[in-house]
Full PDB file with SEQRES, HELIX, SHEET, SSBOND, CRYST1, ORIGX, SCALE, CONECT and MASTER records, all heavy atoms in Angstrom:
SEQRES   1 A   42  ALA GLU GLN THR GLY LEU ASN VAL TYR THR VAL THR GLN          
SEQRES   2 A   42  PHE CYS PHE ASP PRO ALA ALA ILE ILE ARG TRP ILE LYS          
SEQRES   3 A   42  ARG LEU ARG ASP LEU GLY ILE GLU HIS ARG VAL ARG ILE          
SEQRES   4 A   42  GLY MET ALA                                                  
HELIX    1 AA1 PRO A   18  ASP A   30  1                                  13    
SHEET    1 AA1 2 THR A  10  VAL A  11  0                                        
SHEET    2 AA1 2 VAL A  37  ARG A  38  1                                        
CRYST1    1.000    1.000    1.000  90.00  90.00  90.00 P 1           1          
ORIGX1      1.000000  0.000000  0.000000        0.00000                         
ORIGX2      0.000000  1.000000  0.000000        0.00000                         
ORIGX3      0.000000  0.000000  1.000000        0.00000                         
SCALE1      1.000000  0.000000  0.000000        0.00000                         
SCALE2      0.000000  1.000000  0.000000        0.00000                         
SCALE3      0.000000  0.000000  1.000000        0.00000                         
ATOM      1  N   ALA A   1      11.364   9.916  -0.577  1.00  0.00           N  
ATOM      2  CA  ALA A   1      11.986   9.030  -1.563  1.00  0.00           C  
ATOM      3  C   ALA A   1      11.936   9.653  -2.952  1.00  0.00           C  
ATOM      4  O   ALA A   1      12.924   9.651  -3.692  1.00  0.00           O  
ATOM      5  CB  ALA A   1      11.282   7.673  -1.558  1.00  0.00           C  
ATOM      6  N   GLU A   2      10.784  10.203  -3.307  1.00  0.00           N  
ATOM      7  CA  GLU A   2      10.645  10.805  -4.632  1.00  0.00           C  
ATOM      8  C   GLU A   2      11.534  12.043  -4.767  1.00  0.00           C  
ATOM      9  O   GLU A   2      12.136  12.269  -5.822  1.00  0.00           O  
ATOM     10  CB  GLU A   2       9.187  11.165  -4.886  1.00  0.00           C  
ATOM     11  CG  GLU A   2       8.301   9.931  -5.054  1.00  0.00           C  
ATOM     12  CD  GLU A   2       6.875  10.300  -5.383  1.00  0.00           C  
ATOM     13  OE1 GLU A   2       6.426  11.384  -4.958  1.00  0.00           O  
ATOM     14  OE2 GLU A   2       6.207   9.507  -6.078  1.00  0.00           O  
ATOM     15  N   GLN A   3      11.624  12.836  -3.712  1.00  0.00           N  
ATOM     16  CA  GLN A   3      12.453  14.037  -3.756  1.00  0.00           C  
ATOM     17  C   GLN A   3      13.932  13.706  -3.941  1.00  0.00           C  
ATOM     18  O   GLN A   3      14.697  14.505  -4.492  1.00  0.00           O  
ATOM     19  CB  GLN A   3      12.278  14.853  -2.471  1.00  0.00           C  
ATOM     20  CG  GLN A   3      10.905  15.483  -2.303  1.00  0.00           C  
ATOM     21  CD  GLN A   3      10.617  16.573  -3.329  1.00  0.00           C  
ATOM     22  OE1 GLN A   3      11.532  17.277  -3.752  1.00  0.00           O  
ATOM     23  NE2 GLN A   3       9.370  16.700  -3.734  1.00  0.00           N  
ATOM     24  N   THR A   4      14.332  12.514  -3.489  1.00  0.00           N  
ATOM     25  CA  THR A   4      15.734  12.125  -3.597  1.00  0.00           C  
ATOM     26  C   THR A   4      15.991  11.195  -4.780  1.00  0.00           C  
ATOM     27  O   THR A   4      17.061  10.604  -4.884  1.00  0.00           O  
ATOM     28  CB  THR A   4      16.212  11.444  -2.302  1.00  0.00           C  
ATOM     29  OG1 THR A   4      15.334  10.353  -1.977  1.00  0.00           O  
ATOM     30  CG2 THR A   4      16.217  12.430  -1.143  1.00  0.00           C  
ATOM     31  N   GLY A   5      14.986  11.045  -5.652  1.00  0.00           N  
ATOM     32  CA  GLY A   5      15.187  10.297  -6.881  1.00  0.00           C  
ATOM     33  C   GLY A   5      15.012   8.799  -6.788  1.00  0.00           C  
ATOM     34  O   GLY A   5      15.409   8.055  -7.701  1.00  0.00           O  
ATOM     35  N   LEU A   6      14.415   8.313  -5.711  1.00  0.00           N  
ATOM     36  CA  LEU A   6      14.191   6.878  -5.555  1.00  0.00           C  
ATOM     37  C   LEU A   6      12.789   6.503  -6.031  1.00  0.00           C  
ATOM     38  O   LEU A   6      11.823   7.229  -5.770  1.00  0.00           O  
ATOM     39  CB  LEU A   6      14.330   6.472  -4.088  1.00  0.00           C  
ATOM     40  CG  LEU A   6      15.726   6.537  -3.465  1.00  0.00           C  
ATOM     41  CD1 LEU A   6      15.618   6.432  -1.949  1.00  0.00           C  
ATOM     42  CD2 LEU A   6      16.613   5.437  -4.016  1.00  0.00           C  
ATOM     43  N   ASN A   7      12.672   5.374  -6.717  1.00  0.00           N  
ATOM     44  CA  ASN A   7      11.355   4.788  -6.952  1.00  0.00           C  
ATOM     45  C   ASN A   7      10.876   4.213  -5.619  1.00  0.00           C  
ATOM     46  O   ASN A   7      11.671   3.690  -4.824  1.00  0.00           O  
ATOM     47  CB  ASN A   7      11.424   3.686  -8.000  1.00  0.00           C  
ATOM     48  CG  ASN A   7      11.765   4.215  -9.372  1.00  0.00           C  
ATOM     49  OD1 ASN A   7      11.348   5.311  -9.751  1.00  0.00           O  
ATOM     50  ND2 ASN A   7      12.550   3.470 -10.129  1.00  0.00           N  
ATOM     51  N   VAL A   8       9.568   4.275  -5.378  1.00  0.00           N  
ATOM     52  CA  VAL A   8       9.064   3.844  -4.077  1.00  0.00           C  
ATOM     53  C   VAL A   8       7.740   3.112  -4.252  1.00  0.00           C  
ATOM     54  O   VAL A   8       6.947   3.420  -5.146  1.00  0.00           O  
ATOM     55  CB  VAL A   8       8.906   5.059  -3.126  1.00  0.00           C  
ATOM     56  CG1 VAL A   8       7.922   6.075  -3.680  1.00  0.00           C  
ATOM     57  CG2 VAL A   8       8.491   4.623  -1.732  1.00  0.00           C  
ATOM     58  N   TYR A   9       7.513   2.119  -3.404  1.00  0.00           N  
ATOM     59  CA  TYR A   9       6.260   1.368  -3.387  1.00  0.00           C  
ATOM     60  C   TYR A   9       6.031   0.900  -1.960  1.00  0.00           C  
ATOM     61  O   TYR A   9       6.887   1.081  -1.078  1.00  0.00           O  
ATOM     62  CB  TYR A   9       6.311   0.171  -4.349  1.00  0.00           C  
ATOM     63  CG  TYR A   9       7.366  -0.850  -4.004  1.00  0.00           C  
ATOM     64  CD1 TYR A   9       7.048  -1.996  -3.291  1.00  0.00           C  
ATOM     65  CD2 TYR A   9       8.693  -0.662  -4.376  1.00  0.00           C  
ATOM     66  CE1 TYR A   9       8.011  -2.926  -2.955  1.00  0.00           C  
ATOM     67  CE2 TYR A   9       9.666  -1.582  -4.049  1.00  0.00           C  
ATOM     68  CZ  TYR A   9       9.321  -2.713  -3.336  1.00  0.00           C  
ATOM     69  OH  TYR A   9      10.278  -3.624  -2.999  1.00  0.00           O  
ATOM     70  N   THR A  10       4.886   0.297  -1.711  1.00  0.00           N  
ATOM     71  CA  THR A  10       4.536  -0.150  -0.366  1.00  0.00           C  
ATOM     72  C   THR A  10       4.439  -1.667  -0.323  1.00  0.00           C  
ATOM     73  O   THR A  10       3.906  -2.289  -1.243  1.00  0.00           O  
ATOM     74  CB  THR A  10       3.189   0.452   0.072  1.00  0.00           C  
ATOM     75  OG1 THR A  10       3.284   1.879   0.029  1.00  0.00           O  
ATOM     76  CG2 THR A  10       2.826   0.025   1.482  1.00  0.00           C  
ATOM     77  N   VAL A  11       4.951  -2.251   0.742  1.00  0.00           N  
ATOM     78  CA  VAL A  11       4.824  -3.680   1.013  1.00  0.00           C  
ATOM     79  C   VAL A  11       4.036  -3.820   2.309  1.00  0.00           C  
ATOM     80  O   VAL A  11       4.443  -3.273   3.343  1.00  0.00           O  
ATOM     81  CB  VAL A  11       6.197  -4.355   1.176  1.00  0.00           C  
ATOM     82  CG1 VAL A  11       6.028  -5.850   1.437  1.00  0.00           C  
ATOM     83  CG2 VAL A  11       7.055  -4.131  -0.053  1.00  0.00           C  
ATOM     84  N   THR A  12       2.924  -4.543   2.282  1.00  0.00           N  
ATOM     85  CA  THR A  12       2.113  -4.634   3.491  1.00  0.00           C  
ATOM     86  C   THR A  12       2.583  -5.748   4.419  1.00  0.00           C  
ATOM     87  O   THR A  12       3.107  -6.765   3.981  1.00  0.00           O  
ATOM     88  CB  THR A  12       0.620  -4.879   3.186  1.00  0.00           C  
ATOM     89  OG1 THR A  12       0.411  -6.243   2.834  1.00  0.00           O  
ATOM     90  CG2 THR A  12       0.118  -3.965   2.091  1.00  0.00           C  
ATOM     91  N   GLN A  13       2.372  -5.520   5.708  1.00  0.00           N  
ATOM     92  CA  GLN A  13       2.471  -6.588   6.686  1.00  0.00           C  
ATOM     93  C   GLN A  13       1.410  -7.628   6.329  1.00  0.00           C  
ATOM     94  O   GLN A  13       0.376  -7.307   5.742  1.00  0.00           O  
ATOM     95  CB  GLN A  13       2.184  -6.007   8.074  1.00  0.00           C  
ATOM     96  CG  GLN A  13       2.206  -6.986   9.209  1.00  0.00           C  
ATOM     97  CD  GLN A  13       3.553  -7.638   9.378  1.00  0.00           C  
ATOM     98  OE1 GLN A  13       3.836  -8.612   8.681  1.00  0.00           O  
ATOM     99  NE2 GLN A  13       4.371  -7.123  10.270  1.00  0.00           N  
ATOM    100  N   PHE A  14       1.647  -8.896   6.649  1.00  0.00           N  
ATOM    101  CA  PHE A  14       0.625  -9.894   6.316  1.00  0.00           C  
ATOM    102  C   PHE A  14      -0.620  -9.667   7.156  1.00  0.00           C  
ATOM    103  O   PHE A  14      -0.565  -9.117   8.259  1.00  0.00           O  
ATOM    104  CB  PHE A  14       1.160 -11.316   6.446  1.00  0.00           C  
ATOM    105  CG  PHE A  14       1.464 -11.765   7.850  1.00  0.00           C  
ATOM    106  CD1 PHE A  14       0.495 -12.378   8.619  1.00  0.00           C  
ATOM    107  CD2 PHE A  14       2.738 -11.620   8.381  1.00  0.00           C  
ATOM    108  CE1 PHE A  14       0.772 -12.820   9.906  1.00  0.00           C  
ATOM    109  CE2 PHE A  14       3.031 -12.049   9.659  1.00  0.00           C  
ATOM    110  CZ  PHE A  14       2.048 -12.647  10.431  1.00  0.00           C  
ATOM    111  N   CYS A  15      -1.743 -10.056   6.615  1.00  0.00           N  
ATOM    112  CA  CYS A  15      -3.042  -9.802   7.236  1.00  0.00           C  
ATOM    113  C   CYS A  15      -3.965 -10.934   6.822  1.00  0.00           C  
ATOM    114  O   CYS A  15      -3.866 -11.449   5.705  1.00  0.00           O  
ATOM    115  CB  CYS A  15      -3.587  -8.450   6.758  1.00  0.00           C  
ATOM    116  SG  CYS A  15      -5.225  -8.012   7.360  1.00  0.00           S  
ATOM    117  N   PHE A  16      -4.854 -11.351   7.725  1.00  0.00           N  
ATOM    118  CA  PHE A  16      -5.737 -12.478   7.434  1.00  0.00           C  
ATOM    119  C   PHE A  16      -7.132 -12.052   6.993  1.00  0.00           C  
ATOM    120  O   PHE A  16      -8.000 -12.893   6.800  1.00  0.00           O  
ATOM    121  CB  PHE A  16      -5.858 -13.369   8.676  1.00  0.00           C  
ATOM    122  CG  PHE A  16      -4.538 -13.886   9.171  1.00  0.00           C  
ATOM    123  CD1 PHE A  16      -3.990 -13.426  10.356  1.00  0.00           C  
ATOM    124  CD2 PHE A  16      -3.827 -14.826   8.439  1.00  0.00           C  
ATOM    125  CE1 PHE A  16      -2.770 -13.894  10.813  1.00  0.00           C  
ATOM    126  CE2 PHE A  16      -2.605 -15.306   8.885  1.00  0.00           C  
ATOM    127  CZ  PHE A  16      -2.079 -14.835  10.069  1.00  0.00           C  
ATOM    128  N   ASP A  17      -7.358 -10.758   6.828  1.00  0.00           N  
ATOM    129  CA  ASP A  17      -8.692 -10.248   6.504  1.00  0.00           C  
ATOM    130  C   ASP A  17      -8.648  -9.485   5.183  1.00  0.00           C  
ATOM    131  O   ASP A  17      -8.186  -8.346   5.138  1.00  0.00           O  
ATOM    132  CB  ASP A  17      -9.171  -9.325   7.631  1.00  0.00           C  
ATOM    133  CG  ASP A  17     -10.573  -8.784   7.402  1.00  0.00           C  
ATOM    134  OD1 ASP A  17     -11.176  -9.120   6.356  1.00  0.00           O  
ATOM    135  OD2 ASP A  17     -11.063  -8.021   8.257  1.00  0.00           O  
ATOM    136  N   PRO A  18      -9.111 -10.085   4.083  1.00  0.00           N  
ATOM    137  CA  PRO A  18      -9.067  -9.395   2.789  1.00  0.00           C  
ATOM    138  C   PRO A  18      -9.802  -8.059   2.808  1.00  0.00           C  
ATOM    139  O   PRO A  18      -9.348  -7.094   2.185  1.00  0.00           O  
ATOM    140  CB  PRO A  18      -9.752 -10.390   1.834  1.00  0.00           C  
ATOM    141  CG  PRO A  18      -9.616 -11.716   2.501  1.00  0.00           C  
ATOM    142  CD  PRO A  18      -9.653 -11.451   3.975  1.00  0.00           C  
ATOM    143  N   ALA A  19     -10.922  -7.979   3.529  1.00  0.00           N  
ATOM    144  CA  ALA A  19     -11.684  -6.726   3.571  1.00  0.00           C  
ATOM    145  C   ALA A  19     -10.863  -5.613   4.209  1.00  0.00           C  
ATOM    146  O   ALA A  19     -10.927  -4.455   3.789  1.00  0.00           O  
ATOM    147  CB  ALA A  19     -12.994  -6.929   4.336  1.00  0.00           C  
ATOM    148  N   ALA A  20     -10.061  -5.951   5.224  1.00  0.00           N  
ATOM    149  CA  ALA A  20      -9.219  -4.937   5.871  1.00  0.00           C  
ATOM    150  C   ALA A  20      -8.169  -4.415   4.900  1.00  0.00           C  
ATOM    151  O   ALA A  20      -7.862  -3.215   4.885  1.00  0.00           O  
ATOM    152  CB  ALA A  20      -8.550  -5.534   7.109  1.00  0.00           C  
ATOM    153  N   ILE A  21      -7.630  -5.303   4.087  1.00  0.00           N  
ATOM    154  CA  ILE A  21      -6.633  -4.890   3.099  1.00  0.00           C  
ATOM    155  C   ILE A  21      -7.264  -3.946   2.079  1.00  0.00           C  
ATOM    156  O   ILE A  21      -6.696  -2.900   1.736  1.00  0.00           O  
ATOM    157  CB  ILE A  21      -6.028  -6.119   2.394  1.00  0.00           C  
ATOM    158  CG1 ILE A  21      -5.241  -6.971   3.403  1.00  0.00           C  
ATOM    159  CG2 ILE A  21      -5.103  -5.689   1.249  1.00  0.00           C  
ATOM    160  CD1 ILE A  21      -4.789  -8.304   2.855  1.00  0.00           C  
ATOM    161  N   ILE A  22      -8.445  -4.297   1.602  1.00  0.00           N  
ATOM    162  CA  ILE A  22      -9.127  -3.467   0.604  1.00  0.00           C  
ATOM    163  C   ILE A  22      -9.456  -2.091   1.184  1.00  0.00           C  
ATOM    164  O   ILE A  22      -9.262  -1.062   0.537  1.00  0.00           O  
ATOM    165  CB  ILE A  22     -10.393  -4.180   0.099  1.00  0.00           C  
ATOM    166  CG1 ILE A  22      -9.995  -5.417  -0.710  1.00  0.00           C  
ATOM    167  CG2 ILE A  22     -11.247  -3.240  -0.750  1.00  0.00           C  
ATOM    168  CD1 ILE A  22     -11.150  -6.349  -1.028  1.00  0.00           C  
ATOM    169  N   ARG A  23      -9.947  -2.057   2.426  1.00  0.00           N  
ATOM    170  CA  ARG A  23     -10.261  -0.768   3.068  1.00  0.00           C  
ATOM    171  C   ARG A  23      -8.999   0.076   3.205  1.00  0.00           C  
ATOM    172  O   ARG A  23      -9.019   1.291   2.979  1.00  0.00           O  
ATOM    173  CB  ARG A  23     -10.891  -0.997   4.452  1.00  0.00           C  
ATOM    174  CG  ARG A  23     -12.310  -1.506   4.426  1.00  0.00           C  
ATOM    175  CD  ARG A  23     -12.960  -1.377   5.799  1.00  0.00           C  
ATOM    176  NE  ARG A  23     -12.241  -2.139   6.817  1.00  0.00           N  
ATOM    177  CZ  ARG A  23     -12.514  -3.397   7.132  1.00  0.00           C  
ATOM    178  NH1 ARG A  23     -13.482  -4.054   6.504  1.00  0.00           N  
ATOM    179  NH2 ARG A  23     -11.830  -4.021   8.079  1.00  0.00           N  
ATOM    180  N   TRP A  24      -7.906  -0.570   3.581  1.00  0.00           N  
ATOM    181  CA  TRP A  24      -6.653   0.160   3.783  1.00  0.00           C  
ATOM    182  C   TRP A  24      -6.159   0.765   2.467  1.00  0.00           C  
ATOM    183  O   TRP A  24      -5.760   1.930   2.427  1.00  0.00           O  
ATOM    184  CB  TRP A  24      -5.618  -0.800   4.372  1.00  0.00           C  
ATOM    185  CG  TRP A  24      -4.289  -0.191   4.653  1.00  0.00           C  
ATOM    186  CD1 TRP A  24      -3.935   0.548   5.748  1.00  0.00           C  
ATOM    187  CD2 TRP A  24      -3.132  -0.264   3.829  1.00  0.00           C  
ATOM    188  NE1 TRP A  24      -2.620   0.930   5.656  1.00  0.00           N  
ATOM    189  CE2 TRP A  24      -2.102   0.448   4.488  1.00  0.00           C  
ATOM    190  CE3 TRP A  24      -2.856  -0.861   2.603  1.00  0.00           C  
ATOM    191  CZ2 TRP A  24      -0.828   0.572   3.964  1.00  0.00           C  
ATOM    192  CZ3 TRP A  24      -1.589  -0.747   2.072  1.00  0.00           C  
ATOM    193  CH2 TRP A  24      -0.588  -0.029   2.752  1.00  0.00           C  
ATOM    194  N   ILE A  25      -6.200  -0.021   1.394  1.00  0.00           N  
ATOM    195  CA  ILE A  25      -5.766   0.501   0.095  1.00  0.00           C  
ATOM    196  C   ILE A  25      -6.679   1.639  -0.351  1.00  0.00           C  
ATOM    197  O   ILE A  25      -6.220   2.647  -0.899  1.00  0.00           O  
ATOM    198  CB  ILE A  25      -5.729  -0.618  -0.963  1.00  0.00           C  
ATOM    199  CG1 ILE A  25      -4.636  -1.629  -0.599  1.00  0.00           C  
ATOM    200  CG2 ILE A  25      -5.471  -0.058  -2.356  1.00  0.00           C  
ATOM    201  CD1 ILE A  25      -4.585  -2.828  -1.508  1.00  0.00           C  
ATOM    202  N   LYS A  26      -7.976   1.503  -0.109  1.00  0.00           N  
ATOM    203  CA  LYS A  26      -8.905   2.571  -0.484  1.00  0.00           C  
ATOM    204  C   LYS A  26      -8.569   3.863   0.258  1.00  0.00           C  
ATOM    205  O   LYS A  26      -8.629   4.952  -0.324  1.00  0.00           O  
ATOM    206  CB  LYS A  26     -10.349   2.158  -0.201  1.00  0.00           C  
ATOM    207  CG  LYS A  26     -11.381   3.170  -0.703  1.00  0.00           C  
ATOM    208  CD  LYS A  26     -12.795   2.678  -0.479  1.00  0.00           C  
ATOM    209  CE  LYS A  26     -13.798   3.651  -1.092  1.00  0.00           C  
ATOM    210  NZ  LYS A  26     -13.690   5.025  -0.579  1.00  0.00           N  
ATOM    211  N   ARG A  27      -8.200   3.755   1.544  1.00  0.00           N  
ATOM    212  CA  ARG A  27      -7.818   4.956   2.292  1.00  0.00           C  
ATOM    213  C   ARG A  27      -6.590   5.610   1.671  1.00  0.00           C  
ATOM    214  O   ARG A  27      -6.514   6.840   1.570  1.00  0.00           O  
ATOM    215  CB  ARG A  27      -7.544   4.609   3.762  1.00  0.00           C  
ATOM    216  CG  ARG A  27      -8.790   4.364   4.595  1.00  0.00           C  
ATOM    217  CD  ARG A  27      -8.502   4.466   6.077  1.00  0.00           C  
ATOM    218  NE  ARG A  27      -7.528   3.492   6.530  1.00  0.00           N  
ATOM    219  CZ  ARG A  27      -7.822   2.258   6.915  1.00  0.00           C  
ATOM    220  NH1 ARG A  27      -9.082   1.841   6.890  1.00  0.00           N  
ATOM    221  NH2 ARG A  27      -6.877   1.439   7.311  1.00  0.00           N  
ATOM    222  N   LEU A  28      -5.633   4.799   1.250  1.00  0.00           N  
ATOM    223  CA  LEU A  28      -4.453   5.358   0.583  1.00  0.00           C  
ATOM    224  C   LEU A  28      -4.856   6.120  -0.671  1.00  0.00           C  
ATOM    225  O   LEU A  28      -4.390   7.247  -0.912  1.00  0.00           O  
ATOM    226  CB  LEU A  28      -3.473   4.245   0.192  1.00  0.00           C  
ATOM    227  CG  LEU A  28      -2.765   3.476   1.292  1.00  0.00           C  
ATOM    228  CD1 LEU A  28      -1.706   2.565   0.683  1.00  0.00           C  
ATOM    229  CD2 LEU A  28      -2.131   4.412   2.306  1.00  0.00           C  
ATOM    230  N   ARG A  29      -5.707   5.495  -1.482  1.00  0.00           N  
ATOM    231  CA  ARG A  29      -6.122   6.138  -2.733  1.00  0.00           C  
ATOM    232  C   ARG A  29      -6.896   7.417  -2.452  1.00  0.00           C  
ATOM    233  O   ARG A  29      -6.750   8.414  -3.163  1.00  0.00           O  
ATOM    234  CB  ARG A  29      -6.971   5.165  -3.573  1.00  0.00           C  
ATOM    235  CG  ARG A  29      -6.261   3.853  -3.951  1.00  0.00           C  
ATOM    236  CD  ARG A  29      -4.912   4.098  -4.601  1.00  0.00           C  
ATOM    237  NE  ARG A  29      -4.285   2.868  -5.067  1.00  0.00           N  
ATOM    238  CZ  ARG A  29      -3.029   2.542  -4.822  1.00  0.00           C  
ATOM    239  NH1 ARG A  29      -2.261   3.342  -4.104  1.00  0.00           N  
ATOM    240  NH2 ARG A  29      -2.521   1.420  -5.305  1.00  0.00           N  
ATOM    241  N   ASP A  30      -7.723   7.399  -1.410  1.00  0.00           N  
ATOM    242  CA  ASP A  30      -8.475   8.606  -1.044  1.00  0.00           C  
ATOM    243  C   ASP A  30      -7.538   9.734  -0.627  1.00  0.00           C  
ATOM    244  O   ASP A  30      -7.865  10.924  -0.791  1.00  0.00           O  
ATOM    245  CB  ASP A  30      -9.451   8.303   0.096  1.00  0.00           C  
ATOM    246  CG  ASP A  30     -10.631   7.448  -0.355  1.00  0.00           C  
ATOM    247  OD1 ASP A  30     -10.849   7.337  -1.581  1.00  0.00           O  
ATOM    248  OD2 ASP A  30     -11.308   6.874   0.519  1.00  0.00           O  
ATOM    249  N   LEU A  31      -6.370   9.369  -0.090  1.00  0.00           N  
ATOM    250  CA  LEU A  31      -5.387  10.371   0.308  1.00  0.00           C  
ATOM    251  C   LEU A  31      -4.497  10.805  -0.855  1.00  0.00           C  
ATOM    252  O   LEU A  31      -3.597  11.631  -0.681  1.00  0.00           O  
ATOM    253  CB  LEU A  31      -4.506   9.819   1.438  1.00  0.00           C  
ATOM    254  CG  LEU A  31      -5.196   9.604   2.791  1.00  0.00           C  
ATOM    255  CD1 LEU A  31      -4.294   8.810   3.726  1.00  0.00           C  
ATOM    256  CD2 LEU A  31      -5.568  10.943   3.409  1.00  0.00           C  
ATOM    257  N   GLY A  32      -4.753  10.239  -2.026  1.00  0.00           N  
ATOM    258  CA  GLY A  32      -3.957  10.593  -3.196  1.00  0.00           C  
ATOM    259  C   GLY A  32      -2.672   9.800  -3.341  1.00  0.00           C  
ATOM    260  O   GLY A  32      -1.832  10.125  -4.178  1.00  0.00           O  
ATOM    261  N   ILE A  33      -2.509   8.754  -2.543  1.00  0.00           N  
ATOM    262  CA  ILE A  33      -1.318   7.894  -2.641  1.00  0.00           C  
ATOM    263  C   ILE A  33      -1.617   6.791  -3.652  1.00  0.00           C  
ATOM    264  O   ILE A  33      -2.387   5.873  -3.377  1.00  0.00           O  
ATOM    265  CB  ILE A  33      -0.949   7.303  -1.267  1.00  0.00           C  
ATOM    266  CG1 ILE A  33      -0.632   8.435  -0.283  1.00  0.00           C  
ATOM    267  CG2 ILE A  33       0.229   6.348  -1.387  1.00  0.00           C  
ATOM    268  CD1 ILE A  33      -0.393   7.964   1.144  1.00  0.00           C  
ATOM    269  N   GLU A  34      -1.021   6.899  -4.814  1.00  0.00           N  
ATOM    270  CA  GLU A  34      -1.337   5.991  -5.916  1.00  0.00           C  
ATOM    271  C   GLU A  34      -0.210   5.002  -6.216  1.00  0.00           C  
ATOM    272  O   GLU A  34      -0.222   4.348  -7.245  1.00  0.00           O  
ATOM    273  CB  GLU A  34      -1.639   6.809  -7.191  1.00  0.00           C  
ATOM    274  CG  GLU A  34      -2.846   7.730  -7.060  1.00  0.00           C  
ATOM    275  CD  GLU A  34      -4.160   6.961  -6.992  1.00  0.00           C  
ATOM    276  OE1 GLU A  34      -4.166   5.765  -7.376  1.00  0.00           O  
ATOM    277  OE2 GLU A  34      -5.163   7.553  -6.560  1.00  0.00           O  
ATOM    278  N   HIS A  35       0.762   4.911  -5.345  1.00  0.00           N  
ATOM    279  CA  HIS A  35       1.911   4.050  -5.595  1.00  0.00           C  
ATOM    280  C   HIS A  35       1.531   2.570  -5.514  1.00  0.00           C  
ATOM    281  O   HIS A  35       0.519   2.204  -4.919  1.00  0.00           O  
ATOM    282  CB  HIS A  35       3.026   4.364  -4.597  1.00  0.00           C  
ATOM    283  CG  HIS A  35       3.559   5.751  -4.741  1.00  0.00           C  
ATOM    284  ND1 HIS A  35       2.836   6.867  -4.352  1.00  0.00           N  
ATOM    285  CD2 HIS A  35       4.724   6.225  -5.251  1.00  0.00           C  
ATOM    286  CE1 HIS A  35       3.540   7.953  -4.619  1.00  0.00           C  
ATOM    287  NE2 HIS A  35       4.689   7.591  -5.156  1.00  0.00           N  
ATOM    288  N   ARG A  36       2.391   1.750  -6.095  1.00  0.00           N  
ATOM    289  CA  ARG A  36       2.149   0.310  -6.095  1.00  0.00           C  
ATOM    290  C   ARG A  36       2.095  -0.232  -4.672  1.00  0.00           C  
ATOM    291  O   ARG A  36       2.800   0.237  -3.785  1.00  0.00           O  
ATOM    292  CB  ARG A  36       3.270  -0.424  -6.844  1.00  0.00           C  
ATOM    293  CG  ARG A  36       3.238  -0.282  -8.345  1.00  0.00           C  
ATOM    294  CD  ARG A  36       4.389  -1.048  -8.967  1.00  0.00           C  
ATOM    295  NE  ARG A  36       5.687  -0.509  -8.546  1.00  0.00           N  
ATOM    296  CZ  ARG A  36       6.688  -1.238  -8.107  1.00  0.00           C  
ATOM    297  NH1 ARG A  36       6.557  -2.552  -7.986  1.00  0.00           N  
ATOM    298  NH2 ARG A  36       7.835  -0.677  -7.773  1.00  0.00           N  
ATOM    299  N   VAL A  37       1.265  -1.240  -4.477  1.00  0.00           N  
ATOM    300  CA  VAL A  37       1.162  -1.923  -3.196  1.00  0.00           C  
ATOM    301  C   VAL A  37       1.368  -3.419  -3.432  1.00  0.00           C  
ATOM    302  O   VAL A  37       0.683  -4.022  -4.252  1.00  0.00           O  
ATOM    303  CB  VAL A  37      -0.219  -1.693  -2.542  1.00  0.00           C  
ATOM    304  CG1 VAL A  37      -0.346  -2.524  -1.267  1.00  0.00           C  
ATOM    305  CG2 VAL A  37      -0.442  -0.218  -2.243  1.00  0.00           C  
ATOM    306  N   ARG A  38       2.330  -3.984  -2.722  1.00  0.00           N  
ATOM    307  CA  ARG A  38       2.521  -5.432  -2.742  1.00  0.00           C  
ATOM    308  C   ARG A  38       1.871  -5.986  -1.476  1.00  0.00           C  
ATOM    309  O   ARG A  38       2.167  -5.537  -0.367  1.00  0.00           O  
ATOM    310  CB  ARG A  38       4.002  -5.786  -2.786  1.00  0.00           C  
ATOM    311  CG  ARG A  38       4.710  -5.305  -4.048  1.00  0.00           C  
ATOM    312  CD  ARG A  38       6.140  -5.814  -4.130  1.00  0.00           C  
ATOM    313  NE  ARG A  38       6.195  -7.233  -4.401  1.00  0.00           N  
ATOM    314  CZ  ARG A  38       6.225  -7.758  -5.635  1.00  0.00           C  
ATOM    315  NH1 ARG A  38       6.215  -6.971  -6.693  1.00  0.00           N  
ATOM    316  NH2 ARG A  38       6.270  -9.059  -5.810  1.00  0.00           N  
ATOM    317  N   ILE A  39       0.985  -6.961  -1.659  1.00  0.00           N  
ATOM    318  CA  ILE A  39       0.209  -7.508  -0.547  1.00  0.00           C  
ATOM    319  C   ILE A  39       0.992  -8.620   0.140  1.00  0.00           C  
ATOM    320  O   ILE A  39       1.374  -9.604  -0.498  1.00  0.00           O  
ATOM    321  CB  ILE A  39      -1.144  -8.061  -1.032  1.00  0.00           C  
ATOM    322  CG1 ILE A  39      -1.917  -6.988  -1.803  1.00  0.00           C  
ATOM    323  CG2 ILE A  39      -1.960  -8.583   0.149  1.00  0.00           C  
ATOM    324  CD1 ILE A  39      -2.248  -5.774  -1.006  1.00  0.00           C  
ATOM    325  N   GLY A  40       1.203  -8.484   1.439  1.00  0.00           N  
ATOM    326  CA  GLY A  40       1.897  -9.519   2.193  1.00  0.00           C  
ATOM    327  C   GLY A  40       0.962 -10.662   2.554  1.00  0.00           C  
ATOM    328  O   GLY A  40      -0.154 -10.444   3.027  1.00  0.00           O  
ATOM    329  N   MET A  41       1.434 -11.885   2.332  1.00  0.00           N  
ATOM    330  CA  MET A  41       0.656 -13.075   2.671  1.00  0.00           C  
ATOM    331  C   MET A  41       1.534 -14.001   3.495  1.00  0.00           C  
ATOM    332  O   MET A  41       2.727 -14.153   3.228  1.00  0.00           O  
ATOM    333  CB  MET A  41       0.176 -13.785   1.405  1.00  0.00           C  
ATOM    334  CG  MET A  41      -0.698 -12.916   0.507  1.00  0.00           C  
ATOM    335  SD  MET A  41      -1.176 -13.741  -1.032  1.00  0.00           S  
ATOM    336  CE  MET A  41      -2.293 -14.989  -0.394  1.00  0.00           C  
ATOM    337  N   ALA A  42       0.941 -14.633   4.509  1.00  0.00           N  
ATOM    338  CA  ALA A  42       1.704 -15.560   5.346  1.00  0.00           C  
ATOM    339  C   ALA A  42       2.029 -16.822   4.563  1.00  0.00           C  
ATOM    340  O   ALA A  42       1.206 -17.320   3.786  1.00  0.00           O  
ATOM    341  CB  ALA A  42       0.898 -15.909   6.589  1.00  0.00           C  
TER     342      ALA A  42                                                      
MASTER        0    0    0    1    2    0    0    6  341    1    0    4          
END                                                                             
């Protein structure tokens, strides 16, 4: 997306476990993925 000039962000599938969401975002940051994340809620 970035190579083709698009702004990009992540939208999560809904999840019922806040700790799982936090762990997942931390893994992204550890991988150097710093883009915006929109949290999906049911």
